[in-house]
N, C-alpha and C. Protein backbone atom coordinates (compact mmCIF):
# COMPACT_ATOMS: atom_id res chain seq x y z
N ASN A 1 15.48 5.03 -21.11
CA ASN A 1 16.23 5.33 -19.93
C ASN A 1 17.70 5.42 -20.31
N ASP A 2 18.15 6.59 -20.62
CA ASP A 2 19.52 6.79 -21.07
C ASP A 2 20.55 6.58 -19.97
N MET A 3 20.17 6.83 -18.72
CA MET A 3 21.13 6.72 -17.62
C MET A 3 21.22 5.30 -17.05
N LYS A 4 20.39 4.39 -17.54
CA LYS A 4 20.39 2.99 -17.08
C LYS A 4 20.07 2.89 -15.59
N LEU A 5 19.11 3.70 -15.12
CA LEU A 5 18.68 3.67 -13.73
C LEU A 5 17.32 2.99 -13.66
N LEU A 6 17.18 2.03 -12.75
CA LEU A 6 15.92 1.30 -12.64
C LEU A 6 15.16 1.62 -11.37
N THR A 7 15.86 1.93 -10.30
CA THR A 7 15.20 2.16 -9.01
C THR A 7 15.68 3.47 -8.41
N LEU A 8 14.97 3.92 -7.38
CA LEU A 8 15.38 5.14 -6.68
C LEU A 8 16.74 4.97 -5.99
N PRO A 9 17.04 3.79 -5.39
CA PRO A 9 18.40 3.62 -4.86
C PRO A 9 19.49 3.76 -5.92
N ASP A 10 19.19 3.37 -7.17
CA ASP A 10 20.16 3.58 -8.25
C ASP A 10 20.48 5.06 -8.44
N VAL A 11 19.46 5.89 -8.33
CA VAL A 11 19.66 7.34 -8.46
C VAL A 11 20.55 7.86 -7.34
N PHE A 12 20.25 7.43 -6.10
CA PHE A 12 21.08 7.87 -4.97
C PHE A 12 22.50 7.34 -5.11
N GLY A 13 22.64 6.10 -5.57
CA GLY A 13 23.97 5.55 -5.76
C GLY A 13 24.77 6.29 -6.79
N ARG A 14 24.14 6.70 -7.87
CA ARG A 14 24.83 7.45 -8.92
C ARG A 14 25.25 8.83 -8.40
N ARG A 15 24.39 9.43 -7.60
CA ARG A 15 24.65 10.80 -7.15
C ARG A 15 25.58 10.86 -5.94
N PHE A 16 25.37 9.95 -4.95
CA PHE A 16 26.08 10.06 -3.68
C PHE A 16 27.02 8.89 -3.37
N GLY A 17 27.06 7.88 -4.22
CA GLY A 17 27.97 6.77 -4.00
C GLY A 17 27.25 5.49 -3.57
N PRO A 18 27.98 4.38 -3.59
CA PRO A 18 27.37 3.08 -3.33
C PRO A 18 26.85 2.92 -1.90
N ALA A 19 27.47 3.58 -0.93
CA ALA A 19 26.99 3.46 0.46
C ALA A 19 25.58 4.02 0.60
N SER A 20 25.32 5.14 -0.04
CA SER A 20 23.98 5.72 0.03
C SER A 20 22.97 4.85 -0.73
N GLU A 21 23.42 4.18 -1.78
CA GLU A 21 22.54 3.28 -2.52
C GLU A 21 22.10 2.12 -1.63
N VAL A 22 23.02 1.54 -0.91
CA VAL A 22 22.69 0.43 0.00
C VAL A 22 21.81 0.92 1.14
N ALA A 23 22.16 2.07 1.73
CA ALA A 23 21.39 2.61 2.85
C ALA A 23 19.95 2.91 2.42
N PHE A 24 19.81 3.55 1.27
CA PHE A 24 18.46 3.87 0.81
C PHE A 24 17.69 2.61 0.42
N GLY A 25 18.39 1.62 -0.14
CA GLY A 25 17.74 0.35 -0.47
C GLY A 25 17.20 -0.33 0.77
N VAL A 26 18.00 -0.37 1.84
CA VAL A 26 17.54 -0.97 3.10
C VAL A 26 16.36 -0.19 3.66
N PHE A 27 16.46 1.13 3.65
CA PHE A 27 15.36 1.97 4.12
C PHE A 27 14.09 1.73 3.32
N ALA A 28 14.21 1.60 2.02
CA ALA A 28 13.04 1.37 1.16
C ALA A 28 12.40 0.01 1.46
N ILE A 29 13.23 -1.01 1.67
CA ILE A 29 12.70 -2.34 1.98
C ILE A 29 11.97 -2.34 3.31
N VAL A 30 12.57 -1.74 4.34
CA VAL A 30 11.94 -1.70 5.66
C VAL A 30 10.64 -0.91 5.61
N SER A 31 10.64 0.23 4.94
CA SER A 31 9.42 1.03 4.87
C SER A 31 8.33 0.31 4.08
N PHE A 32 8.70 -0.43 3.03
CA PHE A 32 7.71 -1.17 2.26
C PHE A 32 7.10 -2.30 3.09
N ILE A 33 7.93 -2.98 3.89
CA ILE A 33 7.41 -4.04 4.75
C ILE A 33 6.42 -3.47 5.76
N CYS A 34 6.73 -2.31 6.34
CA CYS A 34 5.80 -1.67 7.28
C CYS A 34 4.51 -1.25 6.57
N LEU A 35 4.64 -0.70 5.39
CA LEU A 35 3.45 -0.29 4.63
C LEU A 35 2.59 -1.49 4.28
N PHE A 36 3.21 -2.57 3.81
CA PHE A 36 2.47 -3.78 3.46
C PHE A 36 1.78 -4.36 4.68
N GLY A 37 2.47 -4.39 5.81
CA GLY A 37 1.88 -4.93 7.03
C GLY A 37 0.67 -4.13 7.48
N SER A 38 0.78 -2.82 7.45
CA SER A 38 -0.35 -1.99 7.87
C SER A 38 -1.52 -2.10 6.89
N ASN A 39 -1.24 -2.18 5.60
CA ASN A 39 -2.31 -2.37 4.62
C ASN A 39 -2.99 -3.72 4.80
N LEU A 40 -2.22 -4.75 5.08
CA LEU A 40 -2.77 -6.08 5.28
C LEU A 40 -3.65 -6.12 6.52
N VAL A 41 -3.22 -5.49 7.61
CA VAL A 41 -4.03 -5.45 8.82
C VAL A 41 -5.31 -4.65 8.57
N GLY A 42 -5.21 -3.53 7.89
CA GLY A 42 -6.41 -2.74 7.59
C GLY A 42 -7.38 -3.51 6.71
N PHE A 43 -6.87 -4.16 5.68
CA PHE A 43 -7.70 -4.98 4.79
C PHE A 43 -8.36 -6.10 5.59
N GLY A 44 -7.60 -6.74 6.48
CA GLY A 44 -8.13 -7.82 7.29
C GLY A 44 -9.20 -7.36 8.25
N LYS A 45 -9.03 -6.19 8.85
CA LYS A 45 -10.04 -5.67 9.77
C LYS A 45 -11.33 -5.31 9.04
N VAL A 46 -11.19 -4.77 7.84
CA VAL A 46 -12.39 -4.46 7.05
C VAL A 46 -13.13 -5.75 6.70
N ILE A 47 -12.40 -6.78 6.27
CA ILE A 47 -13.03 -8.06 5.94
C ILE A 47 -13.69 -8.65 7.18
N ALA A 48 -13.02 -8.60 8.33
CA ALA A 48 -13.60 -9.14 9.56
C ALA A 48 -14.87 -8.40 9.94
N TYR A 49 -14.90 -7.09 9.75
CA TYR A 49 -16.09 -6.31 10.09
C TYR A 49 -17.23 -6.58 9.12
N VAL A 50 -16.93 -6.56 7.83
CA VAL A 50 -17.97 -6.72 6.82
C VAL A 50 -18.62 -8.10 6.90
N PHE A 51 -17.81 -9.13 7.11
CA PHE A 51 -18.35 -10.49 7.12
C PHE A 51 -18.66 -10.99 8.53
N GLY A 52 -18.53 -10.13 9.53
CA GLY A 52 -18.91 -10.49 10.89
C GLY A 52 -18.04 -11.57 11.51
N LEU A 53 -16.79 -11.61 11.17
CA LEU A 53 -15.89 -12.59 11.77
C LEU A 53 -15.58 -12.17 13.20
N GLY A 54 -15.43 -13.13 14.08
CA GLY A 54 -15.20 -12.81 15.48
C GLY A 54 -13.83 -12.21 15.75
N SER A 55 -12.86 -12.61 14.98
CA SER A 55 -11.49 -12.18 15.23
C SER A 55 -10.93 -11.46 14.01
N PRO A 56 -10.21 -10.37 14.24
CA PRO A 56 -9.58 -9.71 13.08
C PRO A 56 -8.47 -10.55 12.46
N TYR A 57 -7.93 -11.51 13.21
CA TYR A 57 -6.86 -12.35 12.68
C TYR A 57 -7.36 -13.22 11.53
N ALA A 58 -8.61 -13.65 11.61
CA ALA A 58 -9.18 -14.43 10.50
C ALA A 58 -9.27 -13.56 9.25
N GLY A 59 -9.68 -12.31 9.42
CA GLY A 59 -9.74 -11.38 8.29
C GLY A 59 -8.37 -11.10 7.70
N ILE A 60 -7.36 -11.00 8.57
CA ILE A 60 -6.00 -10.77 8.09
C ILE A 60 -5.51 -11.97 7.29
N CYS A 61 -5.83 -13.18 7.76
CA CYS A 61 -5.44 -14.38 7.00
C CYS A 61 -6.14 -14.44 5.65
N ILE A 62 -7.43 -14.11 5.63
CA ILE A 62 -8.17 -14.09 4.37
C ILE A 62 -7.59 -13.03 3.43
N ALA A 63 -7.27 -11.86 3.98
CA ALA A 63 -6.69 -10.79 3.17
C ALA A 63 -5.34 -11.21 2.60
N GLY A 64 -4.52 -11.82 3.42
CA GLY A 64 -3.21 -12.28 2.95
C GLY A 64 -3.33 -13.31 1.85
N CYS A 65 -4.26 -14.26 2.01
CA CYS A 65 -4.46 -15.27 0.97
C CYS A 65 -4.99 -14.65 -0.31
N THR A 66 -5.86 -13.65 -0.17
CA THR A 66 -6.41 -12.98 -1.35
C THR A 66 -5.32 -12.25 -2.13
N VAL A 67 -4.49 -11.49 -1.41
CA VAL A 67 -3.40 -10.76 -2.06
C VAL A 67 -2.42 -11.73 -2.69
N TRP A 68 -2.09 -12.80 -1.99
CA TRP A 68 -1.17 -13.80 -2.53
C TRP A 68 -1.75 -14.42 -3.80
N ALA A 69 -3.06 -14.75 -3.78
CA ALA A 69 -3.68 -15.43 -4.92
C ALA A 69 -3.67 -14.56 -6.17
N TYR A 70 -4.07 -13.28 -6.05
CA TYR A 70 -4.11 -12.48 -7.28
C TYR A 70 -2.71 -12.09 -7.74
N THR A 71 -1.75 -12.04 -6.83
CA THR A 71 -0.38 -11.76 -7.25
C THR A 71 0.21 -12.95 -8.00
N VAL A 72 -0.02 -14.15 -7.48
CA VAL A 72 0.50 -15.35 -8.13
C VAL A 72 -0.21 -15.59 -9.46
N ALA A 73 -1.53 -15.37 -9.46
CA ALA A 73 -2.31 -15.65 -10.68
C ALA A 73 -2.00 -14.66 -11.80
N GLY A 74 -1.86 -13.39 -11.47
CA GLY A 74 -1.71 -12.39 -12.52
C GLY A 74 -0.37 -11.71 -12.58
N GLY A 75 0.50 -11.96 -11.63
CA GLY A 75 1.80 -11.32 -11.63
C GLY A 75 1.72 -9.84 -11.26
N MET A 76 2.78 -9.12 -11.56
CA MET A 76 2.85 -7.70 -11.20
C MET A 76 1.84 -6.85 -11.95
N LEU A 77 1.40 -7.32 -13.11
CA LEU A 77 0.39 -6.56 -13.85
C LEU A 77 -0.92 -6.52 -13.06
N SER A 78 -1.30 -7.64 -12.44
CA SER A 78 -2.52 -7.65 -11.62
C SER A 78 -2.36 -6.75 -10.41
N VAL A 79 -1.16 -6.68 -9.85
CA VAL A 79 -0.91 -5.80 -8.72
C VAL A 79 -1.06 -4.34 -9.16
N ALA A 80 -0.56 -4.02 -10.34
CA ALA A 80 -0.68 -2.65 -10.83
C ALA A 80 -2.15 -2.26 -11.03
N TYR A 81 -2.93 -3.17 -11.61
CA TYR A 81 -4.35 -2.87 -11.81
C TYR A 81 -5.09 -2.73 -10.48
N THR A 82 -4.82 -3.59 -9.52
CA THR A 82 -5.51 -3.46 -8.24
C THR A 82 -5.05 -2.21 -7.50
N ASP A 83 -3.80 -1.79 -7.70
CA ASP A 83 -3.35 -0.53 -7.10
C ASP A 83 -4.11 0.65 -7.67
N ILE A 84 -4.43 0.61 -8.95
CA ILE A 84 -5.21 1.69 -9.55
C ILE A 84 -6.60 1.74 -8.92
N VAL A 85 -7.23 0.59 -8.79
CA VAL A 85 -8.57 0.54 -8.19
C VAL A 85 -8.52 1.01 -6.74
N GLN A 86 -7.53 0.55 -5.97
CA GLN A 86 -7.40 0.95 -4.58
C GLN A 86 -7.13 2.45 -4.47
N GLY A 87 -6.34 2.99 -5.39
CA GLY A 87 -6.09 4.42 -5.38
C GLY A 87 -7.35 5.22 -5.64
N CYS A 88 -8.18 4.74 -6.56
CA CYS A 88 -9.45 5.42 -6.83
C CYS A 88 -10.35 5.41 -5.60
N PHE A 89 -10.41 4.26 -4.91
CA PHE A 89 -11.20 4.21 -3.67
C PHE A 89 -10.62 5.13 -2.60
N GLY A 90 -9.30 5.23 -2.54
CA GLY A 90 -8.67 6.13 -1.58
C GLY A 90 -9.03 7.58 -1.83
N TYR A 91 -8.96 8.00 -3.09
CA TYR A 91 -9.32 9.38 -3.42
C TYR A 91 -10.81 9.62 -3.20
N LEU A 92 -11.65 8.64 -3.50
CA LEU A 92 -13.07 8.78 -3.24
C LEU A 92 -13.32 8.94 -1.75
N GLY A 93 -12.64 8.15 -0.93
CA GLY A 93 -12.77 8.28 0.52
C GLY A 93 -12.31 9.64 1.01
N LEU A 94 -11.25 10.16 0.42
CA LEU A 94 -10.77 11.50 0.79
C LEU A 94 -11.82 12.55 0.47
N LEU A 95 -12.43 12.46 -0.70
CA LEU A 95 -13.46 13.43 -1.08
C LEU A 95 -14.69 13.32 -0.20
N VAL A 96 -15.15 12.10 0.05
CA VAL A 96 -16.33 11.89 0.89
C VAL A 96 -16.04 12.35 2.32
N GLY A 97 -14.87 12.01 2.83
CA GLY A 97 -14.51 12.44 4.18
C GLY A 97 -14.41 13.95 4.30
N THR A 98 -13.86 14.60 3.30
CA THR A 98 -13.77 16.05 3.31
C THR A 98 -15.15 16.69 3.29
N ALA A 99 -16.04 16.17 2.44
CA ALA A 99 -17.41 16.70 2.39
C ALA A 99 -18.12 16.48 3.71
N TYR A 100 -17.92 15.32 4.34
CA TYR A 100 -18.56 15.04 5.62
C TYR A 100 -18.09 16.01 6.70
N VAL A 101 -16.78 16.21 6.78
CA VAL A 101 -16.26 17.13 7.80
C VAL A 101 -16.72 18.54 7.51
N TYR A 102 -16.75 18.94 6.27
CA TYR A 102 -17.16 20.30 5.91
C TYR A 102 -18.61 20.56 6.30
N HIS A 103 -19.48 19.58 6.13
CA HIS A 103 -20.90 19.79 6.39
C HIS A 103 -21.32 19.48 7.83
N ASN A 104 -20.53 18.75 8.58
CA ASN A 104 -20.98 18.31 9.91
C ASN A 104 -20.21 18.89 11.08
N PHE A 105 -19.20 19.67 10.85
CA PHE A 105 -18.44 20.25 11.93
C PHE A 105 -18.60 21.76 11.93
N PRO A 106 -18.64 22.36 13.14
CA PRO A 106 -18.83 23.82 13.18
C PRO A 106 -17.63 24.56 12.60
N ARG A 107 -17.93 25.74 12.13
CA ARG A 107 -16.87 26.55 11.55
C ARG A 107 -16.22 27.41 12.62
N ALA A 108 -14.96 27.70 12.44
CA ALA A 108 -14.21 28.49 13.44
C ALA A 108 -14.54 29.96 13.33
């Protein structure tokens, strides 16, 4: 890394000045918190459905503890590996969903 840039806000700061670096950093943090929250709720609802829990809040708590445990146990490397697995499942779901819609919905 010849330019000594580590994050996307660093790029914006170099190009547009320190105010844009701070603004983009805040935007990135807020968007990541929203993304993490929605992923945690989705993970919790899946756990609640699969294991027949009465409340989705129990599934969300289990999901949060699971994510916390593998992050603490393995660090960011474990997060990177689980992201790869989750990405593969996401692409598989996209392919299966596309095939389902293609075969089960009428054509225009």
